[in-house]
Amino acid sequence: MESKVINEKNPLAELISDDVYTLLNSRGLIDEKSVRDFIIRKKYKNMRDKKVSACSAIETLRDEYPYLQFDTIRKIVYQPKN
């Protein structure tokens, strides 16, 4: 299991260092769903900044995350920041 943690990419690199991410992840303190949602919001914002329509951006994200429905992705990207 530890080799998985060492080889894992840090999706939160802009927020925390690789060492901190590895430590938190190895102790089970990273909420994978929240990390996934953070990545989805970031990708959506990047597409919208490139003038991709909202519907097209969500459809592109659905291709990446086929287990999520359109409305689920829409709720993720429009979820207010706490």
N, C-alpha and C. Protein backbone atom coordinates (compact mmCIF):
# COMPACT_ATOMS: atom_id res chain seq x y z
N MET A 1 0.82 -1.19 0.00
CA MET A 1 0.00 0.00 0.00
C MET A 1 0.86 1.26 0.00
N GLU A 2 1.99 1.22 0.68
CA GLU A 2 2.81 2.41 0.76
C GLU A 2 3.37 2.79 -0.61
N SER A 3 3.64 1.82 -1.48
CA SER A 3 4.15 2.16 -2.82
C SER A 3 3.10 2.95 -3.59
N LYS A 4 1.82 2.68 -3.34
CA LYS A 4 0.76 3.45 -3.99
C LYS A 4 0.83 4.92 -3.56
N VAL A 5 1.06 5.15 -2.29
CA VAL A 5 1.12 6.51 -1.76
C VAL A 5 2.33 7.24 -2.33
N ILE A 6 3.47 6.58 -2.42
CA ILE A 6 4.68 7.21 -2.93
C ILE A 6 4.53 7.58 -4.40
N ASN A 7 3.90 6.72 -5.20
CA ASN A 7 3.75 6.96 -6.63
C ASN A 7 2.57 7.86 -6.98
N GLU A 8 1.75 8.14 -6.01
CA GLU A 8 0.55 8.92 -6.29
C GLU A 8 0.88 10.39 -6.53
N LYS A 9 0.26 10.97 -7.53
CA LYS A 9 0.44 12.38 -7.84
C LYS A 9 -0.36 13.22 -6.84
N ASN A 10 0.17 14.37 -6.51
CA ASN A 10 -0.48 15.27 -5.57
C ASN A 10 -1.44 16.19 -6.32
N PRO A 11 -2.75 15.92 -6.26
CA PRO A 11 -3.70 16.78 -6.96
C PRO A 11 -3.91 18.13 -6.28
N LEU A 12 -3.36 18.29 -5.10
CA LEU A 12 -3.51 19.54 -4.35
C LEU A 12 -2.18 20.30 -4.27
N ALA A 13 -1.33 20.12 -5.27
CA ALA A 13 0.02 20.69 -5.25
C ALA A 13 0.01 22.21 -5.09
N GLU A 14 -1.02 22.87 -5.58
CA GLU A 14 -1.06 24.34 -5.44
C GLU A 14 -1.43 24.76 -4.02
N LEU A 15 -1.89 23.82 -3.22
CA LEU A 15 -2.32 24.13 -1.86
C LEU A 15 -1.36 23.60 -0.79
N ILE A 16 -0.88 22.35 -0.99
CA ILE A 16 0.01 21.74 -0.01
C ILE A 16 1.15 21.03 -0.72
N SER A 17 2.24 20.84 -0.01
CA SER A 17 3.42 20.19 -0.60
C SER A 17 3.16 18.70 -0.79
N ASP A 18 4.00 18.09 -1.63
CA ASP A 18 3.88 16.65 -1.88
C ASP A 18 4.08 15.86 -0.60
N ASP A 19 5.03 16.28 0.23
CA ASP A 19 5.30 15.57 1.49
C ASP A 19 4.09 15.61 2.41
N VAL A 20 3.47 16.76 2.54
CA VAL A 20 2.29 16.90 3.40
C VAL A 20 1.15 16.05 2.84
N TYR A 21 0.94 16.11 1.51
CA TYR A 21 -0.13 15.32 0.91
C TYR A 21 0.10 13.83 1.16
N THR A 22 1.33 13.37 0.97
CA THR A 22 1.66 11.97 1.17
C THR A 22 1.40 11.55 2.61
N LEU A 23 1.80 12.40 3.54
CA LEU A 23 1.59 12.09 4.96
C LEU A 23 0.10 12.03 5.29
N LEU A 24 -0.64 13.03 4.88
CA LEU A 24 -2.08 13.04 5.16
C LEU A 24 -2.79 11.85 4.51
N ASN A 25 -2.43 11.56 3.28
CA ASN A 25 -3.06 10.45 2.56
C ASN A 25 -2.72 9.11 3.21
N SER A 26 -1.48 8.95 3.64
CA SER A 26 -1.08 7.70 4.27
C SER A 26 -1.81 7.46 5.59
N ARG A 27 -2.26 8.52 6.21
CA ARG A 27 -2.99 8.40 7.48
C ARG A 27 -4.50 8.44 7.30
N GLY A 28 -4.93 8.43 6.03
CA GLY A 28 -6.37 8.39 5.75
C GLY A 28 -7.08 9.70 6.02
N LEU A 29 -6.36 10.80 5.95
CA LEU A 29 -6.96 12.10 6.28
C LEU A 29 -7.34 12.92 5.05
N ILE A 30 -7.24 12.34 3.88
CA ILE A 30 -7.63 13.02 2.64
C ILE A 30 -8.99 12.47 2.21
N ASP A 31 -9.95 13.35 2.03
CA ASP A 31 -11.28 12.97 1.55
C ASP A 31 -11.23 12.94 0.02
N GLU A 32 -11.19 11.74 -0.55
CA GLU A 32 -11.02 11.58 -1.98
C GLU A 32 -12.15 12.23 -2.78
N LYS A 33 -13.36 12.18 -2.27
CA LYS A 33 -14.49 12.81 -2.96
C LYS A 33 -14.31 14.32 -3.04
N SER A 34 -13.86 14.92 -1.97
CA SER A 34 -13.63 16.37 -1.97
C SER A 34 -12.50 16.75 -2.92
N VAL A 35 -11.47 15.92 -2.98
CA VAL A 35 -10.36 16.17 -3.90
C VAL A 35 -10.86 16.06 -5.34
N ARG A 36 -11.67 15.04 -5.61
CA ARG A 36 -12.26 14.87 -6.95
C ARG A 36 -13.09 16.08 -7.33
N ASP A 37 -13.92 16.55 -6.41
CA ASP A 37 -14.77 17.71 -6.68
C ASP A 37 -13.94 18.97 -6.91
N PHE A 38 -12.86 19.13 -6.16
CA PHE A 38 -11.94 20.26 -6.34
C PHE A 38 -11.34 20.23 -7.75
N ILE A 39 -10.92 19.05 -8.20
CA ILE A 39 -10.33 18.90 -9.53
C ILE A 39 -11.38 19.19 -10.61
N ILE A 40 -12.60 18.70 -10.41
CA ILE A 40 -13.68 18.95 -11.37
C ILE A 40 -13.95 20.45 -11.48
N ARG A 41 -14.05 21.15 -10.34
CA ARG A 41 -14.29 22.60 -10.37
C ARG A 41 -13.16 23.34 -11.07
N LYS A 42 -11.94 22.91 -10.83
CA LYS A 42 -10.78 23.55 -11.46
C LYS A 42 -10.79 23.34 -12.98
N LYS A 43 -11.08 22.12 -13.43
CA LYS A 43 -11.14 21.83 -14.87
C LYS A 43 -12.29 22.61 -15.52
N TYR A 44 -13.42 22.68 -14.84
CA TYR A 44 -14.57 23.42 -15.37
C TYR A 44 -14.22 24.89 -15.53
N LYS A 45 -13.60 25.47 -14.52
CA LYS A 45 -13.22 26.89 -14.59
C LYS A 45 -12.23 27.13 -15.74
N ASN A 46 -11.27 26.23 -15.91
CA ASN A 46 -10.31 26.38 -17.01
C ASN A 46 -11.00 26.34 -18.37
N MET A 47 -11.97 25.44 -18.52
CA MET A 47 -12.70 25.37 -19.79
C MET A 47 -13.54 26.62 -20.02
N ARG A 48 -14.19 27.11 -18.97
CA ARG A 48 -15.01 28.32 -19.10
C ARG A 48 -14.14 29.53 -19.41
N ASP A 49 -12.94 29.58 -18.85
CA ASP A 49 -12.00 30.67 -19.15
C ASP A 49 -11.59 30.65 -20.62
N LYS A 50 -11.65 29.47 -21.24
CA LYS A 50 -11.32 29.33 -22.66
C LYS A 50 -12.56 29.47 -23.54
N LYS A 51 -13.63 30.00 -22.97
CA LYS A 51 -14.89 30.30 -23.68
C LYS A 51 -15.65 29.05 -24.13
N VAL A 52 -15.45 27.92 -23.45
CA VAL A 52 -16.24 26.72 -23.72
C VAL A 52 -17.59 26.93 -23.04
N SER A 53 -18.66 26.57 -23.71
CA SER A 53 -19.98 26.75 -23.11
C SER A 53 -20.11 25.89 -21.86
N ALA A 54 -20.98 26.31 -20.95
CA ALA A 54 -21.18 25.58 -19.70
C ALA A 54 -21.62 24.15 -19.97
N CYS A 55 -22.56 23.98 -20.87
CA CYS A 55 -23.07 22.65 -21.20
C CYS A 55 -21.96 21.76 -21.78
N SER A 56 -21.17 22.31 -22.69
CA SER A 56 -20.07 21.54 -23.30
C SER A 56 -19.01 21.17 -22.27
N ALA A 57 -18.73 22.09 -21.37
CA ALA A 57 -17.74 21.82 -20.33
C ALA A 57 -18.21 20.68 -19.42
N ILE A 58 -19.48 20.71 -19.06
CA ILE A 58 -20.02 19.64 -18.21
C ILE A 58 -20.02 18.32 -18.96
N GLU A 59 -20.36 18.33 -20.24
CA GLU A 59 -20.33 17.10 -21.03
C GLU A 59 -18.91 16.54 -21.14
N THR A 60 -17.93 17.42 -21.29
CA THR A 60 -16.54 16.98 -21.33
C THR A 60 -16.16 16.33 -20.01
N LEU A 61 -16.58 16.92 -18.92
CA LEU A 61 -16.31 16.34 -17.61
C LEU A 61 -17.03 15.01 -17.43
N ARG A 62 -18.20 14.88 -18.00
CA ARG A 62 -18.94 13.60 -17.93
C ARG A 62 -18.18 12.51 -18.66
N ASP A 63 -17.49 12.88 -19.76
CA ASP A 63 -16.67 11.90 -20.47
C ASP A 63 -15.52 11.41 -19.58
N GLU A 64 -14.97 12.31 -18.77
CA GLU A 64 -13.88 11.96 -17.86
C GLU A 64 -14.37 11.19 -16.64
N TYR A 65 -15.56 11.50 -16.21
CA TYR A 65 -16.14 10.88 -15.01
C TYR A 65 -17.50 10.27 -15.39
N PRO A 66 -17.50 9.18 -16.14
CA PRO A 66 -18.76 8.62 -16.65
C PRO A 66 -19.70 8.11 -15.57
N TYR A 67 -19.21 7.89 -14.38
CA TYR A 67 -20.06 7.42 -13.29
C TYR A 67 -20.86 8.55 -12.65
N LEU A 68 -20.57 9.81 -13.05
CA LEU A 68 -21.32 10.96 -12.54
C LEU A 68 -22.35 11.43 -13.56
N GLN A 69 -23.51 11.77 -13.10
CA GLN A 69 -24.55 12.26 -13.99
C GLN A 69 -24.36 13.75 -14.25
N PHE A 70 -24.99 14.24 -15.32
CA PHE A 70 -24.89 15.64 -15.70
C PHE A 70 -25.24 16.55 -14.53
N ASP A 71 -26.37 16.27 -13.87
CA ASP A 71 -26.82 17.11 -12.76
C ASP A 71 -25.85 17.07 -11.57
N THR A 72 -25.21 15.94 -11.36
CA THR A 72 -24.24 15.83 -10.27
C THR A 72 -23.05 16.73 -10.54
N ILE A 73 -22.54 16.71 -11.76
CA ILE A 73 -21.41 17.58 -12.12
C ILE A 73 -21.84 19.04 -12.05
N ARG A 74 -23.04 19.33 -12.51
CA ARG A 74 -23.54 20.70 -12.44
C ARG A 74 -23.58 21.18 -11.00
N LYS A 75 -24.06 20.34 -10.10
CA LYS A 75 -24.10 20.71 -8.67
C LYS A 75 -22.69 20.91 -8.12
N ILE A 76 -21.74 20.09 -8.54
CA ILE A 76 -20.36 20.24 -8.07
C ILE A 76 -19.78 21.57 -8.52
N VAL A 77 -19.93 21.90 -9.80
CA VAL A 77 -19.27 23.11 -10.32
C VAL A 77 -19.96 24.38 -9.84
N TYR A 78 -21.24 24.31 -9.52
CA TYR A 78 -21.95 25.51 -9.05
C TYR A 78 -22.08 25.56 -7.54
N GLN A 79 -21.49 24.58 -6.84
CA GLN A 79 -21.54 24.55 -5.40
C GLN A 79 -20.83 25.77 -4.83
N PRO A 80 -21.49 26.49 -3.94
CA PRO A 80 -20.84 27.68 -3.36
C PRO A 80 -19.63 27.28 -2.52
N LYS A 81 -18.60 28.11 -2.58
CA LYS A 81 -17.40 27.85 -1.79
C LYS A 81 -17.66 28.27 -0.35
N ASN A 82 -17.22 27.42 0.55
CA ASN A 82 -17.43 27.69 1.98
C ASN A 82 -16.33 28.56 2.52
